[in-house]
Amino acid sequence: MNIVLAGYGKMGKMIESIVLREQHDRIVLRVTSANKGELQHLKTYQADVVIDFSKPDVILENINAYINQKIPAVIGTTGWYHQINEIHEQSQFHQASIVWGSNFSIGVNLFFRINQYAATLLKHYSEYHINITETHHKNKMDKPSGTAQILSHLIQQNLNNSLNIPIESIRDENSVGLHSARYHSAIDEIELIHNAHNREGFAVGSLKAASWIIRHQGFYNFADIFEQL
């Protein structure tokens, strides 16, 4: 694949390091704020796919550029989900190929599935209460994290009720990403935890998503397709 990296921060550099190590694909363009205009000319670079880990304030403009040029895209940027219905409609109208996700870690998506199953069991036991905690590095912009919001939504779906699950957000110096779901009653508790040791899992997942989306059309959530990878 010829890959464009939109956003060349920690995640962009991690993705690049894996591409260089594996040598199956190549990076044809790295986009930062200094050359963001190049996102309007992706055909020039013979781009097959864009992997976008940029910023919430530019992501909608970026996505529109990918849709207009019919370039498949993997969207790892968070903080724009309040406009997801609008983007979904645009991508359907233009027959775009987009996969988005709050978290591209294979482990996190297994964590989602485990919690979904736990919720199907616990819906019969109303004495259990649920709360979610997410911990990230101090520079993470959105709060609560997109991953915590998706986790809450998936649990609620499987509980079959309108329970409002509280989410606690913690920011510290060193955390890459830790999410926990605590199911507790007056007599005991069950806690499920996913703790990312580094960012490589997110980068690996985004590359798997990129190789998948170039063969598919539509607007997909990574949590829905990762078992097909």
Protein backbone atom coordinates (compact mmCIF):
# COMPACT_ATOMS: atom_id res chain seq x y z
CA MET A 1 0.00 0.00 0.00
CA ASN A 2 0.98 3.60 -0.60
CA ILE A 3 0.12 5.25 2.72
CA VAL A 4 -0.40 8.91 3.60
CA LEU A 5 0.07 9.77 7.27
CA ALA A 6 -2.14 12.71 8.27
CA GLY A 7 -0.68 13.78 11.59
CA TYR A 8 2.97 13.04 12.22
CA GLY A 9 3.08 12.98 16.00
CA LYS A 10 3.71 10.00 18.25
CA MET A 11 1.19 7.77 16.48
CA GLY A 12 2.31 8.77 13.00
CA LYS A 13 5.92 8.03 13.84
CA MET A 14 4.98 4.68 15.39
CA ILE A 15 3.08 3.67 12.26
CA GLU A 16 6.03 4.72 10.13
CA SER A 17 8.44 2.64 12.21
CA ILE A 18 6.30 -0.47 11.69
CA VAL A 19 6.04 0.15 7.94
CA LEU A 20 9.82 0.51 7.71
CA ARG A 21 10.31 -2.64 9.79
CA GLU A 22 7.84 -4.80 7.87
CA GLN A 23 8.74 -3.42 4.41
CA HIS A 24 5.42 -4.48 2.86
CA ASP A 25 4.09 -0.94 2.38
CA ARG A 26 5.51 2.55 1.98
CA ILE A 27 4.81 6.03 3.30
CA VAL A 28 4.35 8.42 0.35
CA LEU A 29 3.40 11.55 2.31
CA ARG A 30 3.62 12.80 5.89
CA VAL A 31 1.23 15.67 6.60
CA THR A 32 1.69 18.20 9.39
CA SER A 33 0.30 21.70 9.92
CA ALA A 34 3.13 23.00 7.73
CA ASN A 35 2.01 21.15 4.58
CA LYS A 36 -1.65 20.38 5.29
CA GLY A 37 -2.63 21.68 1.84
CA GLU A 38 -1.18 18.51 0.33
CA LEU A 39 -4.24 16.62 1.59
CA GLN A 40 -6.10 18.20 -1.33
CA HIS A 41 -3.74 16.57 -3.85
CA LEU A 42 -3.52 12.95 -2.74
CA LYS A 43 -3.82 11.54 -6.26
CA THR A 44 -0.48 13.20 -7.03
CA TYR A 45 1.15 10.85 -4.53
CA GLN A 46 -0.63 7.74 -5.88
CA ALA A 47 -2.05 7.26 -2.40
CA ASP A 48 -3.99 4.06 -1.73
CA VAL A 49 -5.10 5.01 1.78
CA VAL A 50 -4.79 7.72 4.44
CA ILE A 51 -4.24 6.98 8.11
CA ASP A 52 -5.34 10.02 10.07
CA PHE A 53 -4.20 10.64 13.64
CA SER A 54 -4.37 14.43 13.45
CA LYS A 55 -6.44 16.77 15.65
CA PRO A 56 -10.18 17.30 16.26
CA ASP A 57 -10.10 20.88 14.92
CA VAL A 58 -9.03 19.74 11.43
CA ILE A 59 -10.49 16.25 11.17
CA LEU A 60 -13.79 17.20 9.48
CA GLU A 61 -11.96 19.17 6.78
CA ASN A 62 -9.60 16.22 6.34
CA ILE A 63 -12.40 13.67 6.03
CA ASN A 64 -14.15 15.81 3.41
CA ALA A 65 -10.91 15.86 1.41
CA TYR A 66 -10.70 12.06 1.50
CA ILE A 67 -14.36 11.68 0.51
CA ASN A 68 -14.07 14.17 -2.38
CA GLN A 69 -10.96 12.44 -3.76
CA LYS A 70 -12.36 8.94 -3.13
CA ILE A 71 -9.30 7.94 -1.12
CA PRO A 72 -9.99 5.25 1.51
CA ALA A 73 -9.24 6.45 5.02
CA VAL A 74 -8.59 5.16 8.52
CA ILE A 75 -9.63 7.76 11.10
CA GLY A 76 -7.95 7.38 14.48
CA THR A 77 -8.49 10.98 15.55
CA THR A 78 -11.12 11.35 18.27
CA GLY A 79 -13.19 14.26 19.56
CA TRP A 80 -15.50 14.63 16.51
CA TYR A 81 -18.16 12.02 17.21
CA HIS A 82 -20.90 14.60 17.81
CA GLN A 83 -20.84 15.06 14.00
CA ILE A 84 -20.59 11.40 13.09
CA ASN A 85 -24.10 11.20 11.60
CA GLU A 86 -23.29 14.02 9.18
CA ILE A 87 -20.07 12.33 8.06
CA HIS A 88 -21.85 8.99 7.78
CA GLU A 89 -24.42 10.51 5.42
CA GLN A 90 -21.73 12.19 3.31
CA SER A 91 -19.71 9.01 3.00
CA GLN A 92 -22.78 7.04 1.94
CA PHE A 93 -23.79 9.67 -0.63
CA HIS A 94 -20.29 9.74 -2.16
CA GLN A 95 -19.73 5.96 -1.81
CA ALA A 96 -16.64 6.57 0.31
CA SER A 97 -14.49 4.04 2.13
CA ILE A 98 -13.88 5.01 5.76
CA VAL A 99 -13.13 3.05 8.91
CA TRP A 100 -13.08 5.02 12.14
CA GLY A 101 -12.40 3.99 15.68
CA SER A 102 -11.83 5.33 19.14
CA ASN A 103 -9.14 2.70 19.56
CA PHE A 104 -7.44 0.46 16.98
CA SER A 105 -5.83 -1.85 19.51
CA ILE A 106 -6.76 -5.50 18.95
CA GLY A 107 -6.61 -5.96 22.74
CA VAL A 108 -9.06 -3.12 23.37
CA ASN A 109 -11.51 -4.56 20.88
CA LEU A 110 -11.29 -7.93 22.60
CA PHE A 111 -11.91 -6.00 25.83
CA PHE A 112 -15.05 -4.55 24.23
CA ARG A 113 -16.29 -8.03 23.35
CA ILE A 114 -15.59 -9.41 26.82
CA ASN A 115 -17.54 -6.56 28.42
CA GLN A 116 -20.41 -7.05 26.00
CA TYR A 117 -20.65 -10.67 27.09
CA ALA A 118 -20.37 -9.70 30.76
CA ALA A 119 -23.26 -7.27 30.30
CA THR A 120 -25.50 -9.96 28.78
CA LEU A 121 -24.95 -12.01 31.95
CA LEU A 122 -25.31 -9.14 34.41
CA LYS A 123 -28.55 -7.79 32.95
CA HIS A 124 -30.33 -10.45 35.02
CA TYR A 125 -28.77 -9.16 38.26
CA SER A 126 -29.91 -5.62 39.00
CA GLU A 127 -27.97 -5.48 42.27
CA TYR A 128 -24.76 -4.87 40.27
CA HIS A 129 -23.82 -1.28 39.46
CA ILE A 130 -21.33 -0.33 36.76
CA ASN A 131 -18.74 2.40 36.48
CA ILE A 132 -15.93 2.99 33.98
CA THR A 133 -12.55 4.58 34.60
CA GLU A 134 -10.17 5.77 31.89
CA THR A 135 -6.61 6.99 32.43
CA HIS A 136 -4.49 8.68 29.75
CA HIS A 137 -1.48 10.94 29.35
CA LYS A 138 -1.97 14.52 30.45
CA ASN A 139 -2.06 15.92 26.89
CA LYS A 140 -5.06 13.91 25.72
CA MET A 141 -7.60 16.45 24.54
CA ASP A 142 -10.95 14.68 24.80
CA LYS A 143 -12.48 13.72 28.12
CA PRO A 144 -13.88 11.16 28.62
CA SER A 145 -11.94 9.18 26.04
CA GLY A 146 -13.67 7.93 22.92
CA THR A 147 -12.81 4.39 23.99
CA ALA A 148 -14.62 4.85 27.31
CA GLN A 149 -17.65 6.26 25.54
CA ILE A 150 -17.77 3.32 23.10
CA LEU A 151 -17.35 0.89 26.01
CA SER A 152 -20.25 2.52 27.84
CA HIS A 153 -22.44 2.35 24.74
CA LEU A 154 -21.68 -1.33 24.12
CA ILE A 155 -22.39 -2.27 27.73
CA GLN A 156 -25.67 -0.36 27.68
CA GLN A 157 -26.72 -2.10 24.46
CA ASN A 158 -26.26 -5.51 26.03
CA LEU A 159 -27.95 -4.55 29.30
CA ASN A 160 -31.02 -3.58 27.28
CA ASN A 161 -31.75 -0.54 29.41
CA SER A 162 -31.06 3.18 29.53
CA LEU A 163 -28.65 2.99 32.47
CA ASN A 164 -26.36 5.99 32.73
CA ILE A 165 -22.89 4.55 33.34
CA PRO A 166 -20.60 7.04 35.12
CA ILE A 167 -17.15 7.53 33.58
CA GLU A 168 -14.21 8.84 35.60
CA SER A 169 -11.36 10.44 33.63
CA ILE A 170 -7.83 10.59 35.02
CA ARG A 171 -4.87 12.31 33.35
CA ASP A 172 -1.31 11.62 34.42
CA GLU A 173 2.23 11.93 33.12
CA ASN A 174 2.99 8.40 31.96
CA SER A 175 -0.17 6.45 31.10
CA VAL A 176 -0.56 5.30 27.49
CA GLY A 177 -4.14 4.20 28.05
CA LEU A 178 -5.91 2.26 30.80
CA HIS A 179 -9.61 1.43 30.83
CA SER A 180 -11.51 -0.45 33.49
CA ALA A 181 -15.12 -1.54 33.86
CA ARG A 182 -16.17 -2.28 37.44
CA TYR A 183 -19.30 -4.28 38.18
CA HIS A 184 -19.99 -4.01 41.89
CA SER A 185 -22.67 -4.89 44.43
CA ALA A 186 -22.94 -4.70 48.21
CA ILE A 187 -21.30 -8.12 48.57
CA ASP A 188 -18.67 -8.33 45.82
CA GLU A 189 -17.26 -6.81 42.65
CA ILE A 190 -15.89 -7.83 39.26
CA GLU A 191 -13.38 -5.63 37.47
CA LEU A 192 -12.20 -5.95 33.86
CA ILE A 193 -9.10 -3.97 32.82
CA HIS A 194 -7.23 -3.20 29.63
CA ASN A 195 -3.86 -1.51 30.07
CA ALA A 196 -1.82 -0.50 27.01
CA HIS A 197 1.93 -0.80 27.62
CA ASN A 198 2.83 1.23 24.52
CA ARG A 199 1.30 2.64 21.32
CA GLU A 200 2.40 -0.15 19.00
CA GLY A 201 -0.89 -2.00 19.37
CA PHE A 202 -2.80 1.05 18.08
CA ALA A 203 -0.43 1.38 15.13
CA VAL A 204 -0.63 -2.31 14.18
CA GLY A 205 -4.42 -2.19 14.29
CA SER A 206 -4.60 0.93 12.12
CA LEU A 207 -2.42 -0.72 9.47
CA LYS A 208 -4.65 -3.80 9.50
CA ALA A 209 -7.65 -1.51 9.10
CA ALA A 210 -5.94 0.25 6.17
CA SER A 211 -5.34 -3.01 4.32
CA TRP A 212 -9.01 -3.93 4.91
CA ILE A 213 -10.68 -0.65 3.92
CA ILE A 214 -8.97 -0.41 0.52
CA ARG A 215 -10.96 -3.54 -0.41
CA HIS A 216 -14.32 -2.35 0.92
CA GLN A 217 -16.77 0.48 0.47
CA GLY A 218 -18.78 2.04 3.26
CA PHE A 219 -18.54 3.72 6.65
CA TYR A 220 -17.32 1.30 9.33
CA ASN A 221 -16.39 1.27 12.98
CA PHE A 222 -13.21 -0.69 13.67
CA ALA A 223 -14.97 -2.42 16.58
CA ASP A 224 -17.36 -3.93 14.02
CA ILE A 225 -14.76 -5.19 11.53
CA PHE A 226 -11.73 -6.23 13.55
CA GLU A 227 -12.77 -9.87 13.65
CA GLN A 228 -12.69 -9.87 9.83
CA LEU A 229 -9.04 -8.76 9.65
